[in-house]
Protein backbone atom coordinates (compact mmCIF):
# COMPACT_ATOMS: atom_id res chain seq x y z
CA MET A 1 -35.63 39.29 -32.90
CA THR A 2 -34.07 37.52 -35.68
CA ARG A 3 -32.81 40.07 -38.78
CA GLN A 4 -33.05 37.35 -41.58
CA GLN A 5 -35.35 36.75 -43.94
CA ALA A 6 -35.83 33.26 -44.31
CA PHE A 7 -35.72 31.85 -48.14
CA THR A 8 -37.90 29.07 -48.98
CA PRO A 9 -37.48 26.97 -51.99
CA ASP A 10 -40.63 28.34 -54.11
CA GLU A 11 -38.88 31.67 -54.33
CA LEU A 12 -35.32 29.76 -55.13
CA ASP A 13 -34.22 30.01 -58.56
CA GLY A 14 -30.14 30.09 -60.48
CA GLU A 15 -27.64 30.23 -58.47
CA ARG A 16 -29.29 30.61 -55.15
CA LEU A 17 -30.93 27.47 -56.00
CA ALA A 18 -27.73 25.66 -56.73
CA VAL A 19 -26.22 26.18 -53.41
CA TYR A 20 -29.61 25.34 -51.57
CA ARG A 21 -29.61 21.77 -53.54
CA SER A 22 -26.13 21.53 -52.48
CA ILE A 23 -26.25 21.66 -48.47
CA THR A 24 -29.63 19.91 -48.72
CA GLU A 25 -28.58 16.73 -51.14
CA GLY A 26 -24.90 16.89 -50.38
CA PRO A 27 -22.97 15.17 -47.85
CA ARG A 28 -24.60 16.77 -44.98
CA ALA A 29 -27.98 15.58 -45.88
CA ARG A 30 -26.11 11.92 -46.80
CA GLY A 31 -26.26 9.31 -43.55
CA PRO A 32 -28.22 9.69 -40.35
CA ARG A 33 -29.64 13.17 -39.60
CA LEU A 34 -28.25 14.17 -36.45
CA PHE A 35 -29.70 17.95 -36.72
CA GLU A 36 -32.22 19.24 -39.01
CA LEU A 37 -30.92 21.49 -42.07
CA VAL A 38 -34.22 22.81 -43.08
CA SER A 39 -37.58 24.34 -41.36
CA GLU A 40 -40.96 22.61 -41.97
CA SER A 41 -41.54 25.43 -44.40
CA GLY A 42 -38.31 24.07 -46.24
CA SER A 43 -36.31 27.00 -45.43
CA LEU A 44 -32.44 26.07 -44.47
CA LEU A 45 -31.51 26.51 -40.86
CA GLY A 46 -28.86 27.61 -39.07
CA PRO A 47 -26.21 29.22 -40.44
CA PHE A 48 -27.20 28.48 -43.73
CA ASN A 49 -29.79 30.46 -44.95
CA GLU A 50 -27.54 33.24 -44.95
CA PHE A 51 -25.32 31.74 -47.46
CA LEU A 52 -28.19 32.26 -50.25
CA LEU A 53 -27.59 36.47 -49.59
CA SER A 54 -24.81 35.79 -51.69
CA PRO A 55 -24.42 32.59 -53.79
CA ARG A 56 -21.38 32.66 -55.19
CA LEU A 57 -19.64 33.44 -51.32
CA GLY A 58 -22.17 31.18 -49.81
CA ASP A 59 -21.19 28.06 -51.92
CA ALA A 60 -17.80 28.60 -51.38
CA LEU A 61 -18.54 28.39 -47.86
CA GLN A 62 -20.39 25.68 -47.96
CA ASN A 63 -18.14 23.89 -49.78
CA LEU A 64 -15.17 24.65 -47.06
CA GLY A 65 -17.77 23.51 -44.34
CA ALA A 66 -18.17 20.23 -46.38
CA ALA A 67 -14.17 19.45 -46.72
CA ILE A 68 -13.66 20.41 -42.79
CA ARG A 69 -16.59 17.85 -41.69
CA TYR A 70 -15.51 15.11 -44.13
CA GLU A 71 -12.48 15.37 -46.03
CA SER A 72 -9.67 16.16 -43.07
CA SER A 73 -7.37 13.83 -41.42
CA LEU A 74 -8.95 14.66 -38.09
CA SER A 75 -10.83 11.72 -36.23
CA GLY A 76 -14.60 12.17 -35.58
CA ARG A 77 -13.68 12.78 -31.86
CA ALA A 78 -11.21 15.26 -32.53
CA ARG A 79 -13.01 17.07 -35.41
CA GLU A 80 -16.23 17.61 -33.09
CA MET A 81 -14.12 18.47 -29.94
CA ALA A 82 -12.97 21.27 -32.01
CA ILE A 83 -16.18 22.63 -33.59
CA LEU A 84 -17.38 22.56 -29.98
CA VAL A 85 -14.49 24.84 -28.36
CA VAL A 86 -15.22 27.07 -31.29
CA ALA A 87 -19.06 27.22 -30.10
CA ALA A 88 -18.27 27.88 -26.38
CA ALA A 89 -15.67 30.45 -26.87
CA TRP A 90 -18.44 31.91 -29.06
CA ASP A 91 -21.68 31.12 -26.98
CA SER A 92 -23.15 29.67 -30.26
CA ALA A 93 -26.43 27.80 -29.28
CA PHE A 94 -26.74 26.63 -32.81
CA GLU A 95 -23.00 24.90 -33.14
CA ARG A 96 -23.09 23.85 -29.90
CA SER A 97 -26.71 21.72 -30.14
CA ALA A 98 -26.24 20.95 -33.58
CA HIS A 99 -22.33 19.44 -33.07
CA GLU A 100 -22.86 18.03 -29.56
CA ALA A 101 -25.35 16.10 -31.22
CA VAL A 102 -22.97 14.84 -33.78
CA GLY A 103 -20.42 14.38 -30.81
CA ARG A 104 -22.16 11.81 -29.11
CA SER A 105 -22.49 10.09 -32.53
CA VAL A 106 -18.75 9.64 -32.48
CA GLY A 107 -18.33 8.90 -29.08
CA LEU A 108 -17.96 11.98 -27.15
CA THR A 109 -19.04 11.14 -23.25
CA GLU A 110 -21.57 13.95 -21.82
CA SER A 111 -19.00 14.72 -19.23
CA GLU A 112 -16.62 15.51 -21.97
CA LEU A 113 -19.06 17.63 -23.76
CA THR A 114 -19.96 19.52 -20.40
CA ALA A 115 -16.21 20.15 -20.25
CA ILE A 116 -15.59 21.38 -23.43
CA ALA A 117 -19.46 23.66 -23.06
CA SER A 118 -17.85 25.26 -20.02
CA GLN A 119 -14.42 25.66 -21.03
CA ALA A 120 -13.15 23.43 -18.32
CA PRO A 121 -10.19 21.47 -17.90
CA LEU A 122 -10.59 18.00 -19.59
CA ASP A 123 -8.02 15.27 -18.96
CA LEU A 124 -7.95 13.37 -22.31
CA ASP A 125 -5.91 9.46 -22.76
CA ASP A 126 -5.21 9.88 -26.25
CA PRO A 127 -2.21 12.30 -26.86
CA HIS A 128 -3.24 13.26 -30.33
CA GLU A 129 -6.93 14.53 -28.68
CA ALA A 130 -5.26 16.03 -26.19
CA ALA A 131 -3.23 18.17 -28.26
CA VAL A 132 -6.05 19.24 -30.76
CA LEU A 133 -8.20 20.16 -27.75
CA ARG A 134 -5.24 22.61 -25.86
CA LEU A 135 -4.10 23.78 -29.61
CA THR A 136 -7.44 24.65 -30.32
CA ARG A 137 -8.37 26.52 -26.95
CA ALA A 138 -5.16 28.42 -27.75
CA LEU A 139 -6.38 29.21 -31.43
CA VAL A 140 -9.78 30.77 -30.41
CA THR A 141 -7.69 33.29 -28.36
CA GLY A 142 -5.90 34.57 -31.14
CA ASP A 143 -2.59 33.23 -30.98
CA VAL A 144 -0.62 29.85 -30.03
CA ASP A 145 2.32 30.47 -27.55
CA ASP A 146 5.86 28.53 -28.10
CA ALA A 147 4.89 26.32 -25.01
CA THR A 148 1.42 25.27 -26.82
CA TRP A 149 3.27 24.86 -29.98
CA SER A 150 6.10 22.44 -28.65
CA ALA A 151 3.42 20.40 -26.11
CA CYS A 152 1.12 20.02 -29.41
CA VAL A 153 3.47 19.88 -32.48
CA PRO A 154 4.46 16.77 -32.24
CA PRO A 155 2.22 15.11 -31.51
CA LEU A 156 0.13 17.13 -34.54
CA ASN A 157 2.06 17.68 -37.68
CA ARG A 158 1.64 20.77 -39.31
CA GLU A 159 -1.11 19.39 -41.88
CA THR A 160 -3.22 19.06 -38.40
CA VAL A 161 -2.53 22.30 -37.65
CA PHE A 162 -3.52 23.83 -40.91
CA GLU A 163 -7.01 21.93 -40.95
CA LEU A 164 -7.55 23.38 -37.04
CA THR A 165 -6.67 26.91 -37.94
CA THR A 166 -9.15 26.51 -41.13
CA LEU A 167 -11.66 24.81 -38.96
CA VAL A 168 -11.57 27.38 -36.21
CA GLY A 169 -11.91 30.23 -38.74
CA TYR A 170 -14.86 28.45 -40.53
CA TYR A 171 -17.00 28.09 -37.27
CA ALA A 172 -15.81 31.27 -35.95
CA THR A 173 -17.27 32.93 -39.49
CA LEU A 174 -20.64 31.08 -39.05
CA ALA A 175 -21.22 31.95 -35.42
CA LEU A 176 -20.33 35.36 -36.16
CA GLN A 177 -22.82 35.58 -39.22
CA MET A 178 -25.43 34.00 -36.78
CA ARG A 179 -24.94 36.74 -34.26
CA THR A 180 -24.98 38.94 -36.70
CA PHE A 181 -28.44 38.22 -37.92
CA ARG A 182 -29.93 36.63 -34.65
CA ILE A 183 -30.10 33.08 -35.70
CA ALA A 184 -30.01 30.69 -32.62
CA ASP A 185 -30.73 27.26 -32.31
CA PRO A 186 -34.78 26.28 -32.54
CA GLY A 187 -36.66 27.60 -29.49
CA ILE A 188 -33.12 29.35 -27.86
CA PRO A 189 -33.45 32.98 -27.87
CA VAL A 190 -30.33 34.72 -28.65
CA PRO A 191 -29.40 37.13 -25.78
CA GLU A 192 -28.24 40.45 -26.34
CA ARG A 193 -24.93 41.16 -25.42
CA ARG A 194 -22.66 43.87 -24.54
CA PRO A 195 -19.24 43.41 -26.50
CA ASP A 196 -16.44 42.38 -24.05
CA PRO A 197 -12.79 43.68 -24.97
CA GLN A 198 -11.25 40.64 -23.14
CA ARG A 199 -13.12 38.14 -25.49
CA PRO A 200 -11.77 36.98 -28.71
CA ASP A 201 -15.12 37.61 -30.66
CA ALA A 202 -14.96 40.79 -29.09
CA HIS A 203 -13.92 42.74 -32.69
C-alpha cells in the first residue's frame, strides 16, 4: 500500500507550484516522452510527487537530476547503463521501467538491458562504457577497490568519476524515497522486503 499523498495541480501554490512547473515544463518534458511524468489527475508520478513535500529540497533535487541527465559529459548509453545499475541494486521498479525506455532510445539492446537488470556479466566493446559499467557496479556496493580504480581510471578521468558518484547518490536517494513511501511503477506492486545485511541498501 502506498504511503504517499498525491498532490493535484489545483492544490498547489507558491513554492510547490513552482517546483511542479519546473518538473512538468522543464527539460524532462521536452522532446520525446519516454515515460510519463504525470498521472491522469495531474499528480506527479515516480519520485517527483514527494519533491513537493519539501519544495526547497525538492527543487534542489530536481535540478540536480536534470543536470545529471542533460548536462553531464556521459554519453547517453553510459549514463543510462549507470542509472540502470542503481535501479538493479535497489530493485527499483520505477527507475528500471523508466530508464530502460530511455536506454532503448539511446541504443541499449535488449540483451544489454537484461544483463544489467540481472546484474550479470556484460562484455562491451567500448572501453569507456565498460569502465562506466564496472565502476558503477563497484559504487553501488559502497566502495571502489584499488584494482577497479586502476582498471577504470583511465579510460575514465576524475571528472567522470565525480559525475558517476553524483549519479549513483542521486538515483539511490530516489530509490530510497520511493521504497519508503511505497511508490512503484504504475501497475507494479511494491514488494514487502526484509532488510538483508549483505545488500548495500540495508541501512
